[in-house]
ModelCIF file with pLDDT and N, C-alpha, C, O atoms, coordinates in Angstrom:
data_MODEL
#
_entry.id   MODEL 
#
_entity.id                         1 
_entity.type                       polymer 
_entity.pdbx_number_of_molecules   1 
#
_entity_poly.entity_id                      1 
_entity_poly.type                           'polypeptide(L)' 
_entity_poly.nstd_linkage                   no 
_entity_poly.nstd_monomer                   no 
_entity_poly.pdbx_seq_one_letter_code       IDCGNGNYFAILVGGNTIAESNVILNRGYDYAYTFDPMTYARPWG 
_entity_poly.pdbx_seq_one_letter_code_can   IDCGNGNYFAILVGGNTIAESNVILNRGYDYAYTFDPMTYARPWG 
_entity_poly.pdbx_strand_id                 A 
#
loop_
_entity_poly_seq.entity_id 
_entity_poly_seq.num 
_entity_poly_seq.mon_id 
_entity_poly_seq.hetero 
1 1  ILE n 
1 2  ASP n 
1 3  CYS n 
1 4  GLY n 
1 5  ASN n 
1 6  GLY n 
1 7  ASN n 
1 8  TYR n 
1 9  PHE n 
1 10 ALA n 
1 11 ILE n 
1 12 LEU n 
1 13 VAL n 
1 14 GLY n 
1 15 GLY n 
1 16 ASN n 
1 17 THR n 
1 18 ILE n 
1 19 ALA n 
1 20 GLU n 
1 21 SER n 
1 22 ASN n 
1 23 VAL n 
1 24 ILE n 
1 25 LEU n 
1 26 ASN n 
1 27 ARG n 
1 28 GLY n 
1 29 TYR n 
1 30 ASP n 
1 31 TYR n 
1 32 ALA n 
1 33 TYR n 
1 34 THR n 
1 35 PHE n 
1 36 ASP n 
1 37 PRO n 
1 38 MET n 
1 39 THR n 
1 40 TYR n 
1 41 ALA n 
1 42 ARG n 
1 43 PRO n 
1 44 TRP n 
1 45 GLY n 
#
_struct_asym.id          A 
_struct_asym.entity_id   1 
#
loop_
_ma_qa_metric.id 
_ma_qa_metric.mode 
_ma_qa_metric.name 
_ma_qa_metric.software_group_id 
_ma_qa_metric.type 
1 global pLDDT . pLDDT 
2 local  pLDDT . pLDDT 
#
_ma_qa_metric_global.metric_id      1 
_ma_qa_metric_global.metric_value   89.29 
_ma_qa_metric_global.model_id       1 
_ma_qa_metric_global.ordinal_id     1 
#
loop_
_ma_qa_metric_local.label_asym_id 
_ma_qa_metric_local.label_comp_id 
_ma_qa_metric_local.label_seq_id 
_ma_qa_metric_local.metric_id 
_ma_qa_metric_local.metric_value 
_ma_qa_metric_local.model_id 
_ma_qa_metric_local.ordinal_id 
A ILE 1  2 90.00 1 1  
A ASP 2  2 89.00 1 2  
A CYS 3  2 88.00 1 3  
A GLY 4  2 89.00 1 4  
A ASN 5  2 89.00 1 5  
A GLY 6  2 92.00 1 6  
A ASN 7  2 93.00 1 7  
A TYR 8  2 94.00 1 8  
A PHE 9  2 95.00 1 9  
A ALA 10 2 96.00 1 10 
A ILE 11 2 97.00 1 11 
A LEU 12 2 97.00 1 12 
A VAL 13 2 96.00 1 13 
A GLY 14 2 95.00 1 14 
A GLY 15 2 95.00 1 15 
A ASN 16 2 95.00 1 16 
A THR 17 2 96.00 1 17 
A ILE 18 2 96.00 1 18 
A ALA 19 2 95.00 1 19 
A GLU 20 2 94.00 1 20 
A SER 21 2 94.00 1 21 
A ASN 22 2 95.00 1 22 
A VAL 23 2 95.00 1 23 
A ILE 24 2 94.00 1 24 
A LEU 25 2 93.00 1 25 
A ASN 26 2 86.00 1 26 
A ARG 27 2 79.00 1 27 
A GLY 28 2 68.00 1 28 
A TYR 29 2 63.00 1 29 
A ASP 30 2 68.00 1 30 
A TYR 31 2 78.00 1 31 
A ALA 32 2 88.00 1 32 
A TYR 33 2 91.00 1 33 
A THR 34 2 92.00 1 34 
A PHE 35 2 91.00 1 35 
A ASP 36 2 85.00 1 36 
A PRO 37 2 84.00 1 37 
A MET 38 2 85.00 1 38 
A THR 39 2 86.00 1 39 
A TYR 40 2 85.00 1 40 
A ALA 41 2 83.00 1 41 
A ARG 42 2 84.00 1 42 
A PRO 43 2 91.00 1 43 
A TRP 44 2 94.00 1 44 
A GLY 45 2 95.00 1 45 
#
loop_
_atom_site.group_PDB 
_atom_site.id 
_atom_site.type_symbol 
_atom_site.label_atom_id 
_atom_site.label_alt_id 
_atom_site.label_comp_id 
_atom_site.label_asym_id 
_atom_site.label_entity_id 
_atom_site.label_seq_id 
_atom_site.pdbx_PDB_ins_code 
_atom_site.Cartn_x 
_atom_site.Cartn_y 
_atom_site.Cartn_z 
_atom_site.occupancy 
_atom_site.B_iso_or_equiv 
_atom_site.pdbx_formal_charge 
_atom_site.auth_seq_id 
_atom_site.auth_comp_id 
_atom_site.auth_asym_id 
_atom_site.auth_atom_id 
_atom_site.pdbx_PDB_model_num 
ATOM 1   N N  . ILE A 1 1  ? 127.590 101.790 45.295 1.00 90.00 ? 1  ILE A N  1 
ATOM 2   C CA . ILE A 1 1  ? 126.779 102.492 46.613 1.00 90.00 ? 1  ILE A CA 1 
ATOM 3   C C  . ILE A 1 1  ? 125.521 101.812 46.735 1.00 90.00 ? 1  ILE A C  1 
ATOM 4   O O  . ILE A 1 1  ? 124.831 101.618 45.735 1.00 90.00 ? 1  ILE A O  1 
ATOM 5   N N  . ASP A 1 2  ? 125.136 101.401 47.971 1.00 89.00 ? 2  ASP A N  1 
ATOM 6   C CA . ASP A 1 2  ? 123.643 101.128 48.080 1.00 89.00 ? 2  ASP A CA 1 
ATOM 7   C C  . ASP A 1 2  ? 122.985 102.333 48.543 1.00 89.00 ? 2  ASP A C  1 
ATOM 8   O O  . ASP A 1 2  ? 123.416 103.000 49.483 1.00 89.00 ? 2  ASP A O  1 
ATOM 9   N N  . CYS A 1 3  ? 121.835 102.639 47.818 1.00 88.00 ? 3  CYS A N  1 
ATOM 10  C CA . CYS A 1 3  ? 120.854 103.590 47.938 1.00 88.00 ? 3  CYS A CA 1 
ATOM 11  C C  . CYS A 1 3  ? 119.718 103.029 48.738 1.00 88.00 ? 3  CYS A C  1 
ATOM 12  O O  . CYS A 1 3  ? 118.907 103.894 49.070 1.00 88.00 ? 3  CYS A O  1 
ATOM 13  N N  . GLY A 1 4  ? 119.462 101.897 49.108 1.00 89.00 ? 4  GLY A N  1 
ATOM 14  C CA . GLY A 1 4  ? 118.556 101.169 50.007 1.00 89.00 ? 4  GLY A CA 1 
ATOM 15  C C  . GLY A 1 4  ? 117.407 100.732 49.334 1.00 89.00 ? 4  GLY A C  1 
ATOM 16  O O  . GLY A 1 4  ? 117.008 101.278 48.305 1.00 89.00 ? 4  GLY A O  1 
ATOM 17  N N  . ASN A 1 5  ? 116.752 99.596  49.963 1.00 89.00 ? 5  ASN A N  1 
ATOM 18  C CA . ASN A 1 5  ? 115.759 98.810  49.390 1.00 89.00 ? 5  ASN A CA 1 
ATOM 19  C C  . ASN A 1 5  ? 116.328 98.292  48.343 1.00 89.00 ? 5  ASN A C  1 
ATOM 20  O O  . ASN A 1 5  ? 115.736 98.874  47.434 1.00 89.00 ? 5  ASN A O  1 
ATOM 21  N N  . GLY A 1 6  ? 117.040 97.624  47.880 1.00 92.00 ? 6  GLY A N  1 
ATOM 22  C CA . GLY A 1 6  ? 117.770 97.028  46.729 1.00 92.00 ? 6  GLY A CA 1 
ATOM 23  C C  . GLY A 1 6  ? 118.246 97.824  45.588 1.00 92.00 ? 6  GLY A C  1 
ATOM 24  O O  . GLY A 1 6  ? 118.679 97.296  44.564 1.00 92.00 ? 6  GLY A O  1 
ATOM 25  N N  . ASN A 1 7  ? 118.176 98.938  45.742 1.00 93.00 ? 7  ASN A N  1 
ATOM 26  C CA . ASN A 1 7  ? 118.806 99.703  44.532 1.00 93.00 ? 7  ASN A CA 1 
ATOM 27  C C  . ASN A 1 7  ? 120.422 100.482 44.845 1.00 93.00 ? 7  ASN A C  1 
ATOM 28  O O  . ASN A 1 7  ? 120.721 101.034 45.905 1.00 93.00 ? 7  ASN A O  1 
ATOM 29  N N  . TYR A 1 8  ? 121.199 100.368 43.793 1.00 94.00 ? 8  TYR A N  1 
ATOM 30  C CA . TYR A 1 8  ? 122.282 100.823 43.926 1.00 94.00 ? 8  TYR A CA 1 
ATOM 31  C C  . TYR A 1 8  ? 122.700 101.598 42.807 1.00 94.00 ? 8  TYR A C  1 
ATOM 32  O O  . TYR A 1 8  ? 122.054 101.491 41.765 1.00 94.00 ? 8  TYR A O  1 
ATOM 33  N N  . PHE A 1 9  ? 124.022 102.626 42.879 1.00 95.00 ? 9  PHE A N  1 
ATOM 34  C CA . PHE A 1 9  ? 124.316 102.969 41.947 1.00 95.00 ? 9  PHE A CA 1 
ATOM 35  C C  . PHE A 1 9  ? 125.591 103.323 41.847 1.00 95.00 ? 9  PHE A C  1 
ATOM 36  O O  . PHE A 1 9  ? 126.213 103.238 42.907 1.00 95.00 ? 9  PHE A O  1 
ATOM 37  N N  . ALA A 1 10 ? 126.307 103.768 40.727 1.00 96.00 ? 10 ALA A N  1 
ATOM 38  C CA . ALA A 1 10 ? 127.694 103.930 40.439 1.00 96.00 ? 10 ALA A CA 1 
ATOM 39  C C  . ALA A 1 10 ? 128.020 104.824 39.079 1.00 96.00 ? 10 ALA A C  1 
ATOM 40  O O  . ALA A 1 10 ? 127.367 104.725 38.041 1.00 96.00 ? 10 ALA A O  1 
ATOM 41  N N  . ILE A 1 11 ? 129.059 105.643 39.258 1.00 97.00 ? 11 ILE A N  1 
ATOM 42  C CA . ILE A 1 11 ? 129.282 106.559 38.311 1.00 97.00 ? 11 ILE A CA 1 
ATOM 43  C C  . ILE A 1 11 ? 130.593 106.150 37.687 1.00 97.00 ? 11 ILE A C  1 
ATOM 44  O O  . ILE A 1 11 ? 131.494 106.191 38.526 1.00 97.00 ? 11 ILE A O  1 
ATOM 45  N N  . LEU A 1 12 ? 131.019 105.749 36.431 1.00 97.00 ? 12 LEU A N  1 
ATOM 46  C CA . LEU A 1 12 ? 132.067 105.049 35.779 1.00 97.00 ? 12 LEU A CA 1 
ATOM 47  C C  . LEU A 1 12 ? 132.886 106.351 35.370 1.00 97.00 ? 12 LEU A C  1 
ATOM 48  O O  . LEU A 1 12 ? 132.500 107.413 34.881 1.00 97.00 ? 12 LEU A O  1 
ATOM 49  N N  . VAL A 1 13 ? 134.143 105.904 35.737 1.00 96.00 ? 13 VAL A N  1 
ATOM 50  C CA . VAL A 1 13 ? 135.379 107.184 35.341 1.00 96.00 ? 13 VAL A CA 1 
ATOM 51  C C  . VAL A 1 13 ? 136.225 106.728 34.392 1.00 96.00 ? 13 VAL A C  1 
ATOM 52  O O  . VAL A 1 13 ? 136.549 105.563 34.622 1.00 96.00 ? 13 VAL A O  1 
ATOM 53  N N  . GLY A 1 14 ? 136.636 107.112 33.566 1.00 95.00 ? 14 GLY A N  1 
ATOM 54  C CA . GLY A 1 14 ? 137.497 106.782 32.508 1.00 95.00 ? 14 GLY A CA 1 
ATOM 55  C C  . GLY A 1 14 ? 137.307 105.435 31.309 1.00 95.00 ? 14 GLY A C  1 
ATOM 56  O O  . GLY A 1 14 ? 138.110 104.679 30.762 1.00 95.00 ? 14 GLY A O  1 
ATOM 57  N N  . GLY A 1 15 ? 135.890 105.598 31.254 1.00 95.00 ? 15 GLY A N  1 
ATOM 58  C CA . GLY A 1 15 ? 135.555 104.360 30.023 1.00 95.00 ? 15 GLY A CA 1 
ATOM 59  C C  . GLY A 1 15 ? 134.004 104.663 30.300 1.00 95.00 ? 15 GLY A C  1 
ATOM 60  O O  . GLY A 1 15 ? 133.619 104.873 31.450 1.00 95.00 ? 15 GLY A O  1 
ATOM 61  N N  . ASN A 1 16 ? 133.158 104.677 29.241 1.00 95.00 ? 16 ASN A N  1 
ATOM 62  C CA . ASN A 1 16 ? 131.864 104.591 29.176 1.00 95.00 ? 16 ASN A CA 1 
ATOM 63  C C  . ASN A 1 16 ? 131.287 103.437 28.542 1.00 95.00 ? 16 ASN A C  1 
ATOM 64  O O  . ASN A 1 16 ? 130.381 103.609 27.727 1.00 95.00 ? 16 ASN A O  1 
ATOM 65  N N  . THR A 1 17 ? 131.820 101.943 28.896 1.00 96.00 ? 17 THR A N  1 
ATOM 66  C CA . THR A 1 17 ? 131.268 100.730 28.343 1.00 96.00 ? 17 THR A CA 1 
ATOM 67  C C  . THR A 1 17 ? 131.537 99.803  29.355 1.00 96.00 ? 17 THR A C  1 
ATOM 68  O O  . THR A 1 17 ? 132.521 99.988  30.071 1.00 96.00 ? 17 THR A O  1 
ATOM 69  N N  . ILE A 1 18 ? 130.851 98.886  29.514 1.00 96.00 ? 18 ILE A N  1 
ATOM 70  C CA . ILE A 1 18 ? 130.899 97.749  30.595 1.00 96.00 ? 18 ILE A CA 1 
ATOM 71  C C  . ILE A 1 18 ? 130.138 96.444  29.853 1.00 96.00 ? 18 ILE A C  1 
ATOM 72  O O  . ILE A 1 18 ? 129.036 96.394  29.307 1.00 96.00 ? 18 ILE A O  1 
ATOM 73  N N  . ALA A 1 19 ? 131.109 95.462  30.039 1.00 95.00 ? 19 ALA A N  1 
ATOM 74  C CA . ALA A 1 19 ? 130.929 94.067  29.836 1.00 95.00 ? 19 ALA A CA 1 
ATOM 75  C C  . ALA A 1 19 ? 130.870 93.327  30.927 1.00 95.00 ? 19 ALA A C  1 
ATOM 76  O O  . ALA A 1 19 ? 131.221 93.598  32.075 1.00 95.00 ? 19 ALA A O  1 
ATOM 77  N N  . GLU A 1 20 ? 130.163 91.896  30.261 1.00 94.00 ? 20 GLU A N  1 
ATOM 78  C CA . GLU A 1 20 ? 130.126 90.923  31.598 1.00 94.00 ? 20 GLU A CA 1 
ATOM 79  C C  . GLU A 1 20 ? 131.061 90.758  32.628 1.00 94.00 ? 20 GLU A C  1 
ATOM 80  O O  . GLU A 1 20 ? 130.731 90.756  33.813 1.00 94.00 ? 20 GLU A O  1 
ATOM 81  N N  . SER A 1 21 ? 132.596 90.572  32.103 1.00 94.00 ? 21 SER A N  1 
ATOM 82  C CA . SER A 1 21 ? 133.544 90.471  32.504 1.00 94.00 ? 21 SER A CA 1 
ATOM 83  C C  . SER A 1 21 ? 134.139 91.161  33.531 1.00 94.00 ? 21 SER A C  1 
ATOM 84  O O  . SER A 1 21 ? 135.056 90.889  34.306 1.00 94.00 ? 21 SER A O  1 
ATOM 85  N N  . ASN A 1 22 ? 133.137 92.495  33.310 1.00 95.00 ? 22 ASN A N  1 
ATOM 86  C CA . ASN A 1 22 ? 133.721 93.630  34.475 1.00 95.00 ? 22 ASN A CA 1 
ATOM 87  C C  . ASN A 1 22 ? 132.794 93.502  35.567 1.00 95.00 ? 22 ASN A C  1 
ATOM 88  O O  . ASN A 1 22 ? 132.892 94.356  36.448 1.00 95.00 ? 22 ASN A O  1 
ATOM 89  N N  . VAL A 1 23 ? 131.913 92.612  35.693 1.00 95.00 ? 23 VAL A N  1 
ATOM 90  C CA . VAL A 1 23 ? 131.054 92.321  37.191 1.00 95.00 ? 23 VAL A CA 1 
ATOM 91  C C  . VAL A 1 23 ? 131.441 91.132  37.476 1.00 95.00 ? 23 VAL A C  1 
ATOM 92  O O  . VAL A 1 23 ? 131.463 90.167  36.712 1.00 95.00 ? 23 VAL A O  1 
ATOM 93  N N  . ILE A 1 24 ? 131.759 91.175  38.600 1.00 94.00 ? 24 ILE A N  1 
ATOM 94  C CA . ILE A 1 24 ? 132.129 90.137  39.620 1.00 94.00 ? 24 ILE A CA 1 
ATOM 95  C C  . ILE A 1 24 ? 130.948 89.922  40.644 1.00 94.00 ? 24 ILE A C  1 
ATOM 96  O O  . ILE A 1 24 ? 130.747 90.730  41.551 1.00 94.00 ? 24 ILE A O  1 
ATOM 97  N N  . LEU A 1 25 ? 130.165 88.778  40.454 1.00 93.00 ? 25 LEU A N  1 
ATOM 98  C CA . LEU A 1 25 ? 129.159 88.513  41.693 1.00 93.00 ? 25 LEU A CA 1 
ATOM 99  C C  . LEU A 1 25 ? 129.477 87.741  42.765 1.00 93.00 ? 25 LEU A C  1 
ATOM 100 O O  . LEU A 1 25 ? 130.241 86.776  42.766 1.00 93.00 ? 25 LEU A O  1 
ATOM 101 N N  . ASN A 1 26 ? 128.732 88.296  43.877 1.00 86.00 ? 26 ASN A N  1 
ATOM 102 C CA . ASN A 1 26 ? 128.840 87.794  45.164 1.00 86.00 ? 26 ASN A CA 1 
ATOM 103 C C  . ASN A 1 26 ? 128.183 86.271  45.236 1.00 86.00 ? 26 ASN A C  1 
ATOM 104 O O  . ASN A 1 26 ? 126.971 86.104  45.100 1.00 86.00 ? 26 ASN A O  1 
ATOM 105 N N  . ARG A 1 27 ? 129.176 85.105  45.479 1.00 79.00 ? 27 ARG A N  1 
ATOM 106 C CA . ARG A 1 27 ? 128.634 83.742  45.318 1.00 79.00 ? 27 ARG A CA 1 
ATOM 107 C C  . ARG A 1 27 ? 128.852 82.910  46.633 1.00 79.00 ? 27 ARG A C  1 
ATOM 108 O O  . ARG A 1 27 ? 128.886 81.688  46.774 1.00 79.00 ? 27 ARG A O  1 
ATOM 109 N N  . GLY A 1 28 ? 128.999 83.982  47.614 1.00 68.00 ? 28 GLY A N  1 
ATOM 110 C CA . GLY A 1 28 ? 129.164 83.405  48.977 1.00 68.00 ? 28 GLY A CA 1 
ATOM 111 C C  . GLY A 1 28 ? 128.326 82.652  49.298 1.00 68.00 ? 28 GLY A C  1 
ATOM 112 O O  . GLY A 1 28 ? 127.283 82.746  48.650 1.00 68.00 ? 28 GLY A O  1 
ATOM 113 N N  . TYR A 1 29 ? 128.389 81.340  50.664 1.00 63.00 ? 29 TYR A N  1 
ATOM 114 C CA . TYR A 1 29 ? 127.544 80.583  50.498 1.00 63.00 ? 29 TYR A CA 1 
ATOM 115 C C  . TYR A 1 29 ? 126.597 81.035  51.408 1.00 63.00 ? 29 TYR A C  1 
ATOM 116 O O  . TYR A 1 29 ? 125.723 80.192  51.610 1.00 63.00 ? 29 TYR A O  1 
ATOM 117 N N  . ASP A 1 30 ? 126.442 82.257  52.139 1.00 68.00 ? 30 ASP A N  1 
ATOM 118 C CA . ASP A 1 30 ? 125.514 82.776  52.688 1.00 68.00 ? 30 ASP A CA 1 
ATOM 119 C C  . ASP A 1 30 ? 124.544 83.465  51.734 1.00 68.00 ? 30 ASP A C  1 
ATOM 120 O O  . ASP A 1 30 ? 123.390 83.069  51.896 1.00 68.00 ? 30 ASP A O  1 
ATOM 121 N N  . TYR A 1 31 ? 124.688 84.343  50.830 1.00 78.00 ? 31 TYR A N  1 
ATOM 122 C CA . TYR A 1 31 ? 123.521 84.983  49.993 1.00 78.00 ? 31 TYR A CA 1 
ATOM 123 C C  . TYR A 1 31 ? 124.438 84.848  48.794 1.00 78.00 ? 31 TYR A C  1 
ATOM 124 O O  . TYR A 1 31 ? 125.647 85.033  48.936 1.00 78.00 ? 31 TYR A O  1 
ATOM 125 N N  . ALA A 1 32 ? 123.793 84.462  47.349 1.00 88.00 ? 32 ALA A N  1 
ATOM 126 C CA . ALA A 1 32 ? 124.257 84.429  46.195 1.00 88.00 ? 32 ALA A CA 1 
ATOM 127 C C  . ALA A 1 32 ? 123.526 85.335  45.184 1.00 88.00 ? 32 ALA A C  1 
ATOM 128 O O  . ALA A 1 32 ? 122.317 85.552  45.266 1.00 88.00 ? 32 ALA A O  1 
ATOM 129 N N  . TYR A 1 33 ? 124.279 85.824  44.280 1.00 91.00 ? 33 TYR A N  1 
ATOM 130 C CA . TYR A 1 33 ? 123.772 86.737  43.452 1.00 91.00 ? 33 TYR A CA 1 
ATOM 131 C C  . TYR A 1 33 ? 124.099 86.221  42.099 1.00 91.00 ? 33 TYR A C  1 
ATOM 132 O O  . TYR A 1 33 ? 125.240 85.879  41.791 1.00 91.00 ? 33 TYR A O  1 
ATOM 133 N N  . THR A 1 34 ? 122.928 86.160  41.175 1.00 92.00 ? 34 THR A N  1 
ATOM 134 C CA . THR A 1 34 ? 123.236 85.784  39.638 1.00 92.00 ? 34 THR A CA 1 
ATOM 135 C C  . THR A 1 34 ? 122.300 86.453  38.572 1.00 92.00 ? 34 THR A C  1 
ATOM 136 O O  . THR A 1 34 ? 121.205 86.851  38.972 1.00 92.00 ? 34 THR A O  1 
ATOM 137 N N  . PHE A 1 35 ? 122.601 86.600  37.366 1.00 91.00 ? 35 PHE A N  1 
ATOM 138 C CA . PHE A 1 35 ? 121.898 87.387  36.423 1.00 91.00 ? 35 PHE A CA 1 
ATOM 139 C C  . PHE A 1 35 ? 120.216 86.485  36.389 1.00 91.00 ? 35 PHE A C  1 
ATOM 140 O O  . PHE A 1 35 ? 119.842 85.467  36.971 1.00 91.00 ? 35 PHE A O  1 
ATOM 141 N N  . ASP A 1 36 ? 119.724 87.143  35.714 1.00 85.00 ? 36 ASP A N  1 
ATOM 142 C CA . ASP A 1 36 ? 118.377 86.349  35.367 1.00 85.00 ? 36 ASP A CA 1 
ATOM 143 C C  . ASP A 1 36 ? 118.090 86.949  34.147 1.00 85.00 ? 36 ASP A C  1 
ATOM 144 O O  . ASP A 1 36 ? 117.444 87.962  33.878 1.00 85.00 ? 36 ASP A O  1 
ATOM 145 N N  . PRO A 1 37 ? 118.908 85.841  33.198 1.00 84.00 ? 37 PRO A N  1 
ATOM 146 C CA . PRO A 1 37 ? 118.648 86.747  31.392 1.00 84.00 ? 37 PRO A CA 1 
ATOM 147 C C  . PRO A 1 37 ? 117.118 85.887  30.826 1.00 84.00 ? 37 PRO A C  1 
ATOM 148 O O  . PRO A 1 37 ? 116.597 86.190  29.753 1.00 84.00 ? 37 PRO A O  1 
ATOM 149 N N  . MET A 1 38 ? 116.658 85.013  31.565 1.00 85.00 ? 38 MET A N  1 
ATOM 150 C CA . MET A 1 38 ? 115.497 84.619  31.108 1.00 85.00 ? 38 MET A CA 1 
ATOM 151 C C  . MET A 1 38 ? 114.525 85.924  31.483 1.00 85.00 ? 38 MET A C  1 
ATOM 152 O O  . MET A 1 38 ? 113.522 85.888  30.771 1.00 85.00 ? 38 MET A O  1 
ATOM 153 N N  . THR A 1 39 ? 114.527 86.812  32.189 1.00 86.00 ? 39 THR A N  1 
ATOM 154 C CA . THR A 1 39 ? 113.541 87.809  32.478 1.00 86.00 ? 39 THR A CA 1 
ATOM 155 C C  . THR A 1 39 ? 114.189 88.996  31.868 1.00 86.00 ? 39 THR A C  1 
ATOM 156 O O  . THR A 1 39 ? 113.646 89.559  30.917 1.00 86.00 ? 39 THR A O  1 
ATOM 157 N N  . TYR A 1 40 ? 115.429 89.451  32.404 1.00 85.00 ? 40 TYR A N  1 
ATOM 158 C CA . TYR A 1 40 ? 115.841 90.626  31.944 1.00 85.00 ? 40 TYR A CA 1 
ATOM 159 C C  . TYR A 1 40 ? 117.123 90.360  30.764 1.00 85.00 ? 40 TYR A C  1 
ATOM 160 O O  . TYR A 1 40 ? 117.613 89.232  30.721 1.00 85.00 ? 40 TYR A O  1 
ATOM 161 N N  . ALA A 1 41 ? 117.440 91.028  30.180 1.00 83.00 ? 41 ALA A N  1 
ATOM 162 C CA . ALA A 1 41 ? 118.181 91.117  29.123 1.00 83.00 ? 41 ALA A CA 1 
ATOM 163 C C  . ALA A 1 41 ? 119.683 91.405  29.372 1.00 83.00 ? 41 ALA A C  1 
ATOM 164 O O  . ALA A 1 41 ? 119.894 92.593  29.615 1.00 83.00 ? 41 ALA A O  1 
ATOM 165 N N  . ARG A 1 42 ? 120.585 90.747  29.371 1.00 84.00 ? 42 ARG A N  1 
ATOM 166 C CA . ARG A 1 42 ? 121.916 91.484  29.941 1.00 84.00 ? 42 ARG A CA 1 
ATOM 167 C C  . ARG A 1 42 ? 122.457 92.926  29.057 1.00 84.00 ? 42 ARG A C  1 
ATOM 168 O O  . ARG A 1 42 ? 122.628 93.012  27.841 1.00 84.00 ? 42 ARG A O  1 
ATOM 169 N N  . PRO A 1 43 ? 122.621 93.801  29.912 1.00 91.00 ? 43 PRO A N  1 
ATOM 170 C CA . PRO A 1 43 ? 122.653 95.008  29.485 1.00 91.00 ? 43 PRO A CA 1 
ATOM 171 C C  . PRO A 1 43 ? 123.875 95.500  28.909 1.00 91.00 ? 43 PRO A C  1 
ATOM 172 O O  . PRO A 1 43 ? 123.987 96.719  28.776 1.00 91.00 ? 43 PRO A O  1 
ATOM 173 N N  . TRP A 1 44 ? 124.763 94.777  28.564 1.00 94.00 ? 44 TRP A N  1 
ATOM 174 C CA . TRP A 1 44 ? 126.315 95.028  28.143 1.00 94.00 ? 44 TRP A CA 1 
ATOM 175 C C  . TRP A 1 44 ? 126.634 96.047  27.059 1.00 94.00 ? 44 TRP A C  1 
ATOM 176 O O  . TRP A 1 44 ? 126.490 95.620  25.914 1.00 94.00 ? 44 TRP A O  1 
ATOM 177 N N  . GLY A 1 45 ? 127.002 97.196  27.177 1.00 95.00 ? 45 GLY A N  1 
ATOM 178 C CA . GLY A 1 45 ? 127.625 98.091  26.290 1.00 95.00 ? 45 GLY A CA 1 
ATOM 179 C C  . GLY A 1 45 ? 127.621 99.350  26.755 1.00 95.00 ? 45 GLY A C  1 
ATOM 180 O O  . GLY A 1 45 ? 128.130 100.254 26.093 1.00 95.00 ? 45 GLY A O  1 
#
């Protein structure tokens, strides 16, 4: 859910772990989204 100004929130049900494979990035030609591991560590777990 979009909470405004670039912040989003989700509550997982049925499992308490998340891996990179569970995240699908929007890579459309209009706006692309990627991870930034050089600045922010990937938080999987």
